[in-house]
Amino acid sequence: MLHDLQTLIGCSIFAADGRIGNVQSFLFDDRSWTVHYLVVDVGSWLTRKNVVLPLTAMEQPDWEKKTFHLRFTKNQMRDSPGLDGEESVSRQQEKAMEEYFGSLASWVDRELGASNIPTGRQYPVKTNQPSHLRSVWNLSDYRVWAVAGELGRVEGFIMDEGSWHIGYLSVRPEKLLSGGPQLVPTNSVESISWADQRIHLFQDPTA
C-alpha cells in the first residue's frame, strides 16, 4: 500500500515502556529514495527536543491507527545521536547513528538490561565522505524539470509501506489551470541540484 508521507506526520511513537513522541520528519537516502530514519519530536521528557530512530528499531507499524512501536525502552533511546540540522545530515552524524543503533540492536538481542548501556557516546572522527541522508522536507518546493521544460514544484512524497521506498513525487503545476498534482516516478530522476533547488528528469514522466 502507498502512503503520502505528509499524512504520517504526527503519528505516535511508543517505546517498549510507553509513548515517547510524534513523527516530525523522515530521512531518506538520496540515491535509493528509501527512508531509513524517523525524526521524532519527544516533547519535554528529554533535554533535547528531537531524536532520530532507524526503521530497524521498529516493530511492524499499525498503519490504520498510525502508530509505531519500538523494540527499545525509553532509557535505551535517551543517548541516541541527534541532528545539527535536518536538511543535510553530515557523514559524521550518519556514522554516529549507524554505530549507536547497530550496537543497541546487539544489546537487545542479548536481552541485556538498560544498566549495561554505555552513555555519553561521542561522534566518530570526522570524515570528508559525503552523506546521502536528507530530510524529505528539504526537497519540498523544489522545481522539477523534464526534457520538455518545467513541470512544477514538489509538494509530496509517495512511499510504499512494505519497502519504505519513495516511488513517486507529487508535483504541483506552476499554473493553477494545469490541473491537479502529477505523480512523477523517482526512477525518472537524473539528478538533484541542491544549490539551485532543482530536480532534473532524464525523460518526460508521461513519455
N, C-alpha and C. Protein backbone atom coordinates (compact mmCIF):
# COMPACT_ATOMS: atom_id res chain seq x y z
N MET A 1 0.84 -1.19 0.00
CA MET A 1 0.00 0.00 0.00
C MET A 1 0.88 1.25 0.00
N LEU A 2 0.38 2.29 -0.69
CA LEU A 2 1.13 3.53 -0.77
C LEU A 2 0.63 4.55 0.26
N HIS A 3 1.58 5.37 0.76
CA HIS A 3 1.23 6.41 1.72
C HIS A 3 1.89 7.72 1.31
N ASP A 4 1.18 8.81 1.47
CA ASP A 4 1.79 10.13 1.34
C ASP A 4 2.46 10.42 2.68
N LEU A 5 3.76 10.67 2.67
CA LEU A 5 4.48 10.88 3.92
C LEU A 5 3.90 12.01 4.75
N GLN A 6 3.28 12.99 4.09
CA GLN A 6 2.68 14.10 4.82
C GLN A 6 1.60 13.61 5.78
N THR A 7 0.88 12.55 5.40
CA THR A 7 -0.20 12.03 6.24
C THR A 7 0.33 11.29 7.47
N LEU A 8 1.64 10.98 7.49
CA LEU A 8 2.21 10.26 8.62
C LEU A 8 2.85 11.18 9.65
N ILE A 9 2.89 12.48 9.34
CA ILE A 9 3.41 13.44 10.31
C ILE A 9 2.46 13.49 11.51
N GLY A 10 3.02 13.40 12.69
CA GLY A 10 2.21 13.42 13.91
C GLY A 10 1.86 12.03 14.42
N CYS A 11 2.22 10.97 13.67
CA CYS A 11 1.95 9.62 14.15
C CYS A 11 2.65 9.39 15.49
N SER A 12 1.99 8.66 16.37
CA SER A 12 2.54 8.40 17.71
C SER A 12 3.62 7.33 17.68
N ILE A 13 4.67 7.56 18.48
CA ILE A 13 5.77 6.61 18.63
C ILE A 13 5.77 6.09 20.06
N PHE A 14 5.76 4.77 20.20
CA PHE A 14 5.76 4.14 21.52
C PHE A 14 7.03 3.31 21.71
N ALA A 15 7.73 3.55 22.82
CA ALA A 15 8.82 2.68 23.22
C ALA A 15 8.21 1.46 23.91
N ALA A 16 9.06 0.52 24.29
CA ALA A 16 8.56 -0.69 24.95
C ALA A 16 7.89 -0.37 26.27
N ASP A 17 8.22 0.79 26.86
CA ASP A 17 7.67 1.14 28.17
C ASP A 17 6.86 2.44 28.14
N GLY A 18 6.31 2.79 26.98
CA GLY A 18 5.43 3.95 26.96
C GLY A 18 5.67 4.86 25.77
N ARG A 19 4.77 5.82 25.62
CA ARG A 19 4.81 6.74 24.49
C ARG A 19 5.98 7.72 24.63
N ILE A 20 6.66 8.00 23.50
CA ILE A 20 7.80 8.92 23.57
C ILE A 20 7.60 10.19 22.74
N GLY A 21 6.71 10.17 21.75
CA GLY A 21 6.53 11.38 20.96
C GLY A 21 5.82 11.15 19.65
N ASN A 22 6.04 12.07 18.69
CA ASN A 22 5.36 12.05 17.40
C ASN A 22 6.35 12.19 16.25
N VAL A 23 6.01 11.57 15.15
CA VAL A 23 6.84 11.68 13.94
C VAL A 23 6.84 13.12 13.45
N GLN A 24 8.03 13.64 13.21
CA GLN A 24 8.18 15.01 12.73
C GLN A 24 8.69 15.06 11.30
N SER A 25 9.57 14.10 10.94
CA SER A 25 10.15 14.12 9.61
C SER A 25 10.71 12.74 9.29
N PHE A 26 11.25 12.61 8.06
CA PHE A 26 11.81 11.35 7.58
C PHE A 26 13.15 11.65 6.91
N LEU A 27 14.14 10.78 7.16
CA LEU A 27 15.43 10.89 6.50
C LEU A 27 15.54 9.77 5.47
N PHE A 28 15.85 10.15 4.22
CA PHE A 28 15.94 9.15 3.16
C PHE A 28 17.30 9.24 2.47
N ASP A 29 17.67 8.15 1.79
CA ASP A 29 18.92 8.11 1.03
C ASP A 29 18.63 8.68 -0.35
N ASP A 30 19.34 9.75 -0.73
CA ASP A 30 19.02 10.42 -1.99
C ASP A 30 19.51 9.65 -3.22
N ARG A 31 20.12 8.47 -3.02
CA ARG A 31 20.49 7.63 -4.16
C ARG A 31 19.45 6.55 -4.41
N SER A 32 18.94 5.95 -3.33
CA SER A 32 17.98 4.86 -3.47
C SER A 32 16.54 5.30 -3.26
N TRP A 33 16.32 6.52 -2.76
CA TRP A 33 15.00 7.04 -2.45
C TRP A 33 14.29 6.16 -1.40
N THR A 34 15.06 5.64 -0.47
CA THR A 34 14.49 4.79 0.58
C THR A 34 14.62 5.48 1.93
N VAL A 35 13.54 5.50 2.69
CA VAL A 35 13.54 6.09 4.04
C VAL A 35 14.29 5.16 4.99
N HIS A 36 15.19 5.72 5.79
CA HIS A 36 15.96 4.92 6.75
C HIS A 36 15.70 5.31 8.21
N TYR A 37 15.33 6.58 8.44
CA TYR A 37 15.16 7.05 9.81
C TYR A 37 13.91 7.91 9.94
N LEU A 38 13.35 7.89 11.16
CA LEU A 38 12.30 8.82 11.54
C LEU A 38 12.90 9.88 12.45
N VAL A 39 12.50 11.11 12.26
CA VAL A 39 12.85 12.17 13.21
C VAL A 39 11.64 12.37 14.11
N VAL A 40 11.84 12.22 15.42
CA VAL A 40 10.72 12.19 16.37
C VAL A 40 10.81 13.36 17.33
N ASP A 41 9.72 14.07 17.47
CA ASP A 41 9.59 15.13 18.47
C ASP A 41 9.21 14.46 19.78
N VAL A 42 10.13 14.52 20.75
CA VAL A 42 9.90 13.82 22.03
C VAL A 42 9.39 14.75 23.12
N GLY A 43 9.06 15.99 22.74
CA GLY A 43 8.46 16.89 23.71
C GLY A 43 9.43 17.28 24.81
N SER A 44 9.05 17.07 26.07
CA SER A 44 9.85 17.57 27.20
C SER A 44 10.49 16.48 28.05
N TRP A 45 10.36 15.21 27.67
CA TRP A 45 10.92 14.18 28.55
C TRP A 45 12.43 14.01 28.35
N LEU A 46 12.99 14.65 27.32
CA LEU A 46 14.44 14.72 27.16
C LEU A 46 14.86 16.19 27.15
N THR A 47 16.14 16.43 27.43
CA THR A 47 16.62 17.81 27.41
C THR A 47 16.68 18.36 25.99
N ARG A 48 16.73 17.47 24.99
CA ARG A 48 16.68 17.91 23.60
C ARG A 48 15.33 17.55 23.02
N LYS A 49 14.93 18.24 22.00
CA LYS A 49 13.57 18.10 21.50
C LYS A 49 13.38 16.92 20.55
N ASN A 50 14.40 16.63 19.73
CA ASN A 50 14.24 15.60 18.71
C ASN A 50 15.22 14.45 18.89
N VAL A 51 14.78 13.25 18.51
CA VAL A 51 15.68 12.10 18.42
C VAL A 51 15.48 11.48 17.04
N VAL A 52 16.48 10.73 16.60
CA VAL A 52 16.42 10.06 15.31
C VAL A 52 16.35 8.56 15.55
N LEU A 53 15.38 7.90 14.92
CA LEU A 53 15.16 6.48 15.15
C LEU A 53 15.21 5.73 13.82
N PRO A 54 15.97 4.63 13.74
CA PRO A 54 16.03 3.86 12.50
C PRO A 54 14.80 2.98 12.34
N LEU A 55 14.44 2.68 11.11
CA LEU A 55 13.30 1.79 10.86
C LEU A 55 13.55 0.41 11.46
N THR A 56 14.82 0.01 11.56
CA THR A 56 15.15 -1.30 12.12
C THR A 56 14.83 -1.38 13.61
N ALA A 57 14.58 -0.23 14.25
CA ALA A 57 14.24 -0.23 15.68
C ALA A 57 12.76 -0.47 15.91
N MET A 58 11.97 -0.53 14.83
CA MET A 58 10.52 -0.59 14.97
C MET A 58 9.96 -1.97 14.70
N GLU A 59 8.84 -2.23 15.37
CA GLU A 59 8.02 -3.38 15.03
C GLU A 59 7.22 -3.00 13.79
N GLN A 60 6.40 -3.93 13.29
CA GLN A 60 5.55 -3.63 12.15
C GLN A 60 4.59 -2.49 12.50
N PRO A 61 4.59 -1.39 11.73
CA PRO A 61 3.71 -0.26 12.05
C PRO A 61 2.23 -0.64 11.97
N ASP A 62 1.43 0.03 12.77
CA ASP A 62 -0.02 -0.09 12.67
C ASP A 62 -0.48 1.07 11.79
N TRP A 63 -0.60 0.80 10.51
CA TRP A 63 -0.90 1.86 9.56
C TRP A 63 -2.29 2.43 9.76
N GLU A 64 -3.24 1.58 10.15
CA GLU A 64 -4.62 2.05 10.33
C GLU A 64 -4.71 3.03 11.50
N LYS A 65 -4.05 2.71 12.61
CA LYS A 65 -4.07 3.58 13.79
C LYS A 65 -2.97 4.63 13.75
N LYS A 66 -2.08 4.52 12.76
CA LYS A 66 -0.97 5.45 12.61
C LYS A 66 -0.12 5.52 13.88
N THR A 67 0.32 4.36 14.30
CA THR A 67 1.21 4.27 15.46
C THR A 67 2.41 3.40 15.12
N PHE A 68 3.55 3.74 15.73
CA PHE A 68 4.79 2.99 15.53
C PHE A 68 5.29 2.54 16.89
N HIS A 69 5.67 1.26 17.00
CA HIS A 69 6.15 0.71 18.26
C HIS A 69 7.61 0.29 18.12
N LEU A 70 8.43 0.69 19.10
CA LEU A 70 9.85 0.38 19.10
C LEU A 70 10.15 -0.87 19.91
N ARG A 71 11.28 -1.49 19.58
CA ARG A 71 11.73 -2.66 20.34
C ARG A 71 12.57 -2.25 21.55
N PHE A 72 12.82 -0.95 21.71
CA PHE A 72 13.69 -0.45 22.76
C PHE A 72 12.90 0.32 23.83
N THR A 73 13.51 0.49 24.97
CA THR A 73 12.90 1.26 26.05
C THR A 73 13.26 2.74 25.92
N LYS A 74 12.59 3.57 26.69
CA LYS A 74 12.91 4.99 26.71
C LYS A 74 14.36 5.23 27.11
N ASN A 75 14.82 4.50 28.11
CA ASN A 75 16.18 4.69 28.60
C ASN A 75 17.21 4.33 27.54
N GLN A 76 16.91 3.31 26.75
CA GLN A 76 17.81 2.90 25.69
C GLN A 76 17.88 3.95 24.58
N MET A 77 16.83 4.74 24.41
CA MET A 77 16.81 5.77 23.38
C MET A 77 17.39 7.10 23.87
N ARG A 78 17.59 7.22 25.18
CA ARG A 78 17.96 8.50 25.77
C ARG A 78 19.25 9.07 25.20
N ASP A 79 20.25 8.22 24.90
CA ASP A 79 21.55 8.70 24.46
C ASP A 79 21.76 8.54 22.95
N SER A 80 20.67 8.37 22.22
CA SER A 80 20.79 8.24 20.77
C SER A 80 21.29 9.54 20.16
N PRO A 81 22.08 9.47 19.08
CA PRO A 81 22.61 10.69 18.45
C PRO A 81 21.48 11.56 17.91
N GLY A 82 21.70 12.86 17.95
CA GLY A 82 20.72 13.79 17.39
C GLY A 82 21.23 14.37 16.09
N LEU A 83 20.59 15.44 15.64
CA LEU A 83 20.95 16.10 14.40
C LEU A 83 21.26 17.56 14.65
N ASP A 84 22.28 18.06 13.94
CA ASP A 84 22.53 19.50 13.98
C ASP A 84 21.49 20.23 13.13
N GLY A 85 21.04 19.55 12.09
CA GLY A 85 20.02 20.10 11.20
C GLY A 85 19.52 19.00 10.31
N GLU A 86 18.26 19.09 9.87
CA GLU A 86 17.67 18.01 9.10
C GLU A 86 17.90 18.13 7.61
N GLU A 87 18.18 19.31 7.11
CA GLU A 87 18.24 19.49 5.67
C GLU A 87 19.35 18.64 5.05
N SER A 88 20.50 18.64 5.66
CA SER A 88 21.61 17.84 5.15
C SER A 88 22.32 17.21 6.33
N VAL A 89 22.24 15.89 6.42
CA VAL A 89 22.85 15.17 7.54
C VAL A 89 24.33 14.97 7.22
N SER A 90 25.20 15.35 8.15
CA SER A 90 26.63 15.17 7.92
C SER A 90 26.98 13.69 8.00
N ARG A 91 28.08 13.33 7.32
CA ARG A 91 28.54 11.94 7.37
C ARG A 91 28.92 11.57 8.80
N GLN A 92 29.40 12.54 9.55
CA GLN A 92 29.75 12.31 10.94
C GLN A 92 28.52 11.88 11.73
N GLN A 93 27.41 12.60 11.54
CA GLN A 93 26.17 12.25 12.22
C GLN A 93 25.65 10.90 11.76
N GLU A 94 25.74 10.65 10.46
CA GLU A 94 25.25 9.38 9.92
C GLU A 94 26.01 8.20 10.51
N LYS A 95 27.34 8.31 10.61
CA LYS A 95 28.13 7.23 11.18
C LYS A 95 27.81 7.04 12.67
N ALA A 96 27.54 8.14 13.36
CA ALA A 96 27.18 8.05 14.78
C ALA A 96 25.89 7.27 14.94
N MET A 97 24.92 7.53 14.08
CA MET A 97 23.65 6.82 14.16
C MET A 97 23.83 5.35 13.82
N GLU A 98 24.64 5.06 12.80
CA GLU A 98 24.88 3.67 12.42
C GLU A 98 25.54 2.89 13.55
N GLU A 99 26.53 3.52 14.19
CA GLU A 99 27.24 2.85 15.27
C GLU A 99 26.35 2.66 16.50
N TYR A 100 25.63 3.71 16.88
CA TYR A 100 24.82 3.63 18.09
C TYR A 100 23.73 2.58 17.95
N PHE A 101 22.97 2.65 16.87
CA PHE A 101 21.84 1.73 16.74
C PHE A 101 22.26 0.33 16.37
N GLY A 102 23.43 0.20 15.72
CA GLY A 102 23.95 -1.14 15.47
C GLY A 102 24.30 -1.83 16.77
N SER A 103 24.96 -1.11 17.67
CA SER A 103 25.30 -1.66 18.99
C SER A 103 24.05 -1.89 19.83
N LEU A 104 23.11 -0.97 19.73
CA LEU A 104 21.89 -1.09 20.52
C LEU A 104 21.11 -2.33 20.13
N ALA A 105 21.10 -2.65 18.85
CA ALA A 105 20.39 -3.85 18.40
C ALA A 105 21.02 -5.10 19.00
N SER A 106 22.34 -5.13 19.09
CA SER A 106 23.00 -6.30 19.66
C SER A 106 22.71 -6.41 21.15
N TRP A 107 22.56 -5.27 21.86
CA TRP A 107 22.21 -5.32 23.28
C TRP A 107 20.82 -5.91 23.46
N VAL A 108 19.90 -5.52 22.60
CA VAL A 108 18.54 -6.04 22.71
C VAL A 108 18.52 -7.53 22.41
N ASP A 109 19.27 -7.95 21.38
CA ASP A 109 19.30 -9.36 21.02
C ASP A 109 19.82 -10.22 22.16
N ARG A 110 20.74 -9.66 22.96
CA ARG A 110 21.29 -10.43 24.08
C ARG A 110 20.47 -10.22 25.35
N GLU A 111 19.38 -9.44 25.23
CA GLU A 111 18.48 -9.19 26.35
C GLU A 111 19.22 -8.60 27.55
N LEU A 112 20.12 -7.69 27.28
CA LEU A 112 20.83 -7.02 28.36
C LEU A 112 19.95 -5.94 28.94
N GLY A 113 20.12 -5.66 30.22
CA GLY A 113 19.35 -4.62 30.86
C GLY A 113 19.83 -3.24 30.48
N ALA A 114 19.00 -2.25 30.78
CA ALA A 114 19.35 -0.87 30.43
C ALA A 114 20.62 -0.41 31.14
N SER A 115 20.92 -1.01 32.31
CA SER A 115 22.10 -0.58 33.05
C SER A 115 23.39 -0.92 32.32
N ASN A 116 23.32 -1.83 31.33
CA ASN A 116 24.51 -2.21 30.59
C ASN A 116 24.79 -1.29 29.41
N ILE A 117 23.93 -0.34 29.18
CA ILE A 117 24.08 0.53 28.02
C ILE A 117 25.02 1.68 28.34
N PRO A 118 26.10 1.84 27.57
CA PRO A 118 27.02 2.95 27.83
C PRO A 118 26.36 4.27 27.51
N THR A 119 26.75 5.30 28.23
CA THR A 119 26.19 6.62 27.99
C THR A 119 27.27 7.56 27.48
N GLY A 120 26.83 8.71 27.00
CA GLY A 120 27.78 9.72 26.57
C GLY A 120 28.58 9.33 25.35
N ARG A 121 27.99 8.59 24.42
CA ARG A 121 28.71 8.21 23.21
C ARG A 121 29.06 9.45 22.40
N GLN A 122 30.26 9.44 21.85
CA GLN A 122 30.73 10.58 21.06
C GLN A 122 30.61 10.26 19.57
N TYR A 123 30.53 11.32 18.77
CA TYR A 123 30.55 11.11 17.33
C TYR A 123 31.89 10.52 16.91
N PRO A 124 31.91 9.72 15.85
CA PRO A 124 33.18 9.20 15.35
C PRO A 124 34.05 10.35 14.81
N VAL A 125 35.29 10.02 14.50
CA VAL A 125 36.19 11.02 13.94
C VAL A 125 35.58 11.57 12.66
N LYS A 126 35.71 12.85 12.47
CA LYS A 126 35.11 13.49 11.29
C LYS A 126 35.67 12.88 10.01
N THR A 127 34.80 12.80 9.00
CA THR A 127 35.20 12.26 7.71
C THR A 127 34.78 13.22 6.61
N ASN A 128 35.53 13.21 5.52
CA ASN A 128 35.21 14.06 4.39
C ASN A 128 34.23 13.39 3.43
N GLN A 129 33.87 12.15 3.70
CA GLN A 129 32.92 11.46 2.84
C GLN A 129 31.55 12.12 2.94
N PRO A 130 30.88 12.32 1.80
CA PRO A 130 29.56 12.94 1.85
C PRO A 130 28.50 11.99 2.38
N SER A 131 27.52 12.53 3.05
CA SER A 131 26.37 11.73 3.47
C SER A 131 25.28 11.88 2.43
N HIS A 132 24.51 10.82 2.26
CA HIS A 132 23.41 10.86 1.31
C HIS A 132 22.06 10.84 2.03
N LEU A 133 22.08 11.06 3.35
CA LEU A 133 20.83 11.15 4.09
C LEU A 133 20.30 12.57 4.02
N ARG A 134 19.04 12.69 3.66
CA ARG A 134 18.39 14.00 3.54
C ARG A 134 17.02 13.94 4.18
N SER A 135 16.56 15.08 4.67
CA SER A 135 15.19 15.18 5.12
C SER A 135 14.30 15.34 3.90
N VAL A 136 13.16 14.64 3.90
CA VAL A 136 12.25 14.77 2.75
C VAL A 136 11.79 16.21 2.59
N TRP A 137 11.66 16.92 3.71
CA TRP A 137 11.16 18.30 3.62
C TRP A 137 12.19 19.23 3.01
N ASN A 138 13.45 18.75 2.91
CA ASN A 138 14.46 19.54 2.23
C ASN A 138 14.14 19.69 0.74
N LEU A 139 13.40 18.70 0.20
CA LEU A 139 13.05 18.72 -1.22
C LEU A 139 11.72 19.40 -1.49
N SER A 140 10.98 19.72 -0.45
CA SER A 140 9.68 20.36 -0.65
C SER A 140 9.86 21.68 -1.38
N ASP A 141 9.03 21.88 -2.37
CA ASP A 141 9.00 23.10 -3.17
C ASP A 141 10.15 23.19 -4.17
N TYR A 142 10.95 22.13 -4.31
CA TYR A 142 11.97 22.12 -5.36
C TYR A 142 11.29 22.11 -6.72
N ARG A 143 11.89 22.79 -7.69
CA ARG A 143 11.35 22.80 -9.05
C ARG A 143 11.74 21.50 -9.76
N VAL A 144 10.82 20.95 -10.52
CA VAL A 144 11.06 19.71 -11.26
C VAL A 144 11.11 20.03 -12.75
N TRP A 145 12.22 19.65 -13.38
CA TRP A 145 12.41 19.93 -14.80
C TRP A 145 12.51 18.63 -15.59
N ALA A 146 11.70 18.52 -16.63
CA ALA A 146 11.77 17.40 -17.57
C ALA A 146 12.42 17.88 -18.86
N VAL A 147 12.55 16.99 -19.82
CA VAL A 147 13.17 17.36 -21.09
C VAL A 147 12.39 18.47 -21.77
N ALA A 148 11.06 18.41 -21.67
CA ALA A 148 10.21 19.40 -22.35
C ALA A 148 10.11 20.72 -21.60
N GLY A 149 10.62 20.79 -20.38
CA GLY A 149 10.55 22.02 -19.63
C GLY A 149 10.13 21.79 -18.18
N GLU A 150 9.81 22.85 -17.47
CA GLU A 150 9.47 22.75 -16.06
C GLU A 150 8.07 22.16 -15.86
N LEU A 151 7.97 21.19 -14.94
CA LEU A 151 6.68 20.56 -14.64
C LEU A 151 5.97 21.26 -13.49
N GLY A 152 6.73 21.72 -12.50
CA GLY A 152 6.12 22.33 -11.32
C GLY A 152 7.03 22.16 -10.12
N ARG A 153 6.43 22.20 -8.93
CA ARG A 153 7.19 22.10 -7.69
C ARG A 153 6.76 20.89 -6.86
N VAL A 154 7.73 20.30 -6.15
CA VAL A 154 7.45 19.14 -5.30
C VAL A 154 6.58 19.55 -4.12
N GLU A 155 5.49 18.79 -3.89
CA GLU A 155 4.65 19.08 -2.73
C GLU A 155 4.36 17.84 -1.89
N GLY A 156 4.79 16.66 -2.34
CA GLY A 156 4.53 15.45 -1.56
C GLY A 156 5.42 14.30 -1.98
N PHE A 157 5.44 13.25 -1.14
CA PHE A 157 6.29 12.09 -1.34
C PHE A 157 5.44 10.84 -1.10
N ILE A 158 5.36 9.98 -2.10
CA ILE A 158 4.52 8.79 -2.02
C ILE A 158 5.40 7.57 -1.78
N MET A 159 5.17 6.88 -0.66
CA MET A 159 6.04 5.80 -0.21
C MET A 159 5.29 4.48 -0.13
N ASP A 160 5.99 3.39 -0.46
CA ASP A 160 5.43 2.05 -0.32
C ASP A 160 5.66 1.56 1.10
N GLU A 161 4.61 1.11 1.77
CA GLU A 161 4.73 0.74 3.19
C GLU A 161 5.58 -0.50 3.42
N GLY A 162 5.69 -1.36 2.42
CA GLY A 162 6.46 -2.58 2.60
C GLY A 162 7.95 -2.35 2.56
N SER A 163 8.39 -1.48 1.66
CA SER A 163 9.82 -1.25 1.46
C SER A 163 10.30 0.10 1.96
N TRP A 164 9.38 1.01 2.29
CA TRP A 164 9.68 2.38 2.66
C TRP A 164 10.41 3.10 1.52
N HIS A 165 10.18 2.65 0.31
CA HIS A 165 10.77 3.28 -0.86
C HIS A 165 9.86 4.38 -1.36
N ILE A 166 10.42 5.57 -1.58
CA ILE A 166 9.66 6.68 -2.13
C ILE A 166 9.61 6.50 -3.64
N GLY A 167 8.49 6.04 -4.13
CA GLY A 167 8.38 5.71 -5.55
C GLY A 167 7.94 6.87 -6.42
N TYR A 168 7.26 7.85 -5.79
CA TYR A 168 6.73 8.96 -6.58
C TYR A 168 6.89 10.29 -5.83
N LEU A 169 7.07 11.33 -6.61
CA LEU A 169 6.99 12.69 -6.10
C LEU A 169 5.67 13.27 -6.58
N SER A 170 4.96 13.94 -5.69
CA SER A 170 3.75 14.65 -6.07
C SER A 170 4.17 16.06 -6.46
N VAL A 171 3.93 16.40 -7.72
CA VAL A 171 4.41 17.68 -8.27
C VAL A 171 3.23 18.59 -8.59
N ARG A 172 3.25 19.77 -8.02
CA ARG A 172 2.19 20.77 -8.22
C ARG A 172 2.54 21.63 -9.44
N PRO A 173 1.66 21.67 -10.44
CA PRO A 173 1.92 22.51 -11.62
C PRO A 173 2.05 23.98 -11.23
N GLU A 174 2.87 24.69 -11.96
CA GLU A 174 3.06 26.12 -11.70
C GLU A 174 1.78 26.91 -11.98
N LYS A 175 1.06 26.50 -13.03
CA LYS A 175 -0.17 27.20 -13.39
C LYS A 175 -1.37 26.46 -12.82
N LEU A 176 -2.23 27.17 -12.09
CA LEU A 176 -3.37 26.54 -11.44
C LEU A 176 -4.31 25.89 -12.44
N LEU A 177 -4.35 26.41 -13.66
CA LEU A 177 -5.26 25.87 -14.68
C LEU A 177 -4.73 24.59 -15.30
N SER A 178 -3.55 24.16 -14.89
CA SER A 178 -2.94 22.97 -15.49
C SER A 178 -3.46 21.67 -14.88
N GLY A 179 -4.37 21.77 -13.92
CA GLY A 179 -4.91 20.58 -13.29
C GLY A 179 -4.28 20.31 -11.94
N GLY A 180 -4.57 19.12 -11.39
CA GLY A 180 -4.07 18.77 -10.07
C GLY A 180 -2.64 18.29 -10.10
N PRO A 181 -2.12 17.86 -8.94
CA PRO A 181 -0.74 17.38 -8.84
C PRO A 181 -0.48 16.19 -9.76
N GLN A 182 0.74 16.09 -10.24
CA GLN A 182 1.16 14.99 -11.10
C GLN A 182 2.11 14.10 -10.33
N LEU A 183 1.96 12.77 -10.46
CA LEU A 183 2.87 11.85 -9.80
C LEU A 183 4.04 11.55 -10.74
N VAL A 184 5.24 11.86 -10.26
CA VAL A 184 6.45 11.67 -11.05
C VAL A 184 7.26 10.53 -10.43
N PRO A 185 7.53 9.45 -11.18
CA PRO A 185 8.32 8.34 -10.63
C PRO A 185 9.73 8.79 -10.26
N THR A 186 10.21 8.38 -9.11
CA THR A 186 11.56 8.78 -8.71
C THR A 186 12.62 8.09 -9.56
N ASN A 187 12.26 6.99 -10.23
CA ASN A 187 13.26 6.34 -11.09
C ASN A 187 13.49 7.09 -12.38
N SER A 188 12.75 8.21 -12.56
CA SER A 188 12.99 9.06 -13.73
C SER A 188 13.86 10.26 -13.37
N VAL A 189 14.30 10.34 -12.10
CA VAL A 189 15.16 11.45 -11.67
C VAL A 189 16.59 11.20 -12.13
N GLU A 190 17.13 12.16 -12.86
CA GLU A 190 18.51 12.05 -13.33
C GLU A 190 19.47 12.66 -12.32
N SER A 191 19.11 13.80 -11.74
CA SER A 191 20.00 14.46 -10.78
C SER A 191 19.20 15.45 -9.93
N ILE A 192 19.80 15.79 -8.79
CA ILE A 192 19.22 16.81 -7.91
C ILE A 192 20.27 17.89 -7.70
N SER A 193 19.91 19.12 -8.00
CA SER A 193 20.79 20.25 -7.77
C SER A 193 20.38 20.90 -6.45
N TRP A 194 21.15 20.61 -5.39
CA TRP A 194 20.80 21.16 -4.08
C TRP A 194 21.03 22.66 -4.03
N ALA A 195 22.01 23.13 -4.77
CA ALA A 195 22.31 24.56 -4.77
C ALA A 195 21.21 25.36 -5.47
N ASP A 196 20.70 24.81 -6.59
CA ASP A 196 19.67 25.50 -7.37
C ASP A 196 18.26 25.10 -6.99
N GLN A 197 18.15 24.10 -6.08
CA GLN A 197 16.84 23.60 -5.65
C GLN A 197 16.01 23.13 -6.86
N ARG A 198 16.66 22.29 -7.65
CA ARG A 198 16.01 21.74 -8.83
C ARG A 198 16.19 20.23 -8.91
N ILE A 199 15.19 19.56 -9.42
CA ILE A 199 15.25 18.13 -9.70
C ILE A 199 15.14 17.96 -11.21
N HIS A 200 16.11 17.28 -11.81
CA HIS A 200 16.13 17.10 -13.26
C HIS A 200 15.77 15.66 -13.60
N LEU A 201 14.85 15.50 -14.54
CA LEU A 201 14.44 14.18 -15.01
C LEU A 201 15.12 13.86 -16.34
N PHE A 202 15.41 12.58 -16.56
CA PHE A 202 16.04 12.22 -17.83
C PHE A 202 15.03 11.95 -18.93
N GLN A 203 13.74 11.99 -18.56
CA GLN A 203 12.68 11.84 -19.56
C GLN A 203 11.41 12.48 -19.02
N ASP A 204 10.50 12.76 -19.94
CA ASP A 204 9.20 13.28 -19.54
C ASP A 204 8.43 12.14 -18.89
N PRO A 205 7.86 12.32 -17.69
CA PRO A 205 7.17 11.23 -16.99
C PRO A 205 5.96 10.69 -17.76
N THR A 206 5.43 11.44 -18.71
CA THR A 206 4.28 10.97 -19.50
C THR A 206 4.71 10.28 -20.77
N ALA A 207 6.04 10.24 -21.02
CA ALA A 207 6.53 9.65 -22.27
C ALA A 207 6.41 8.14 -22.25
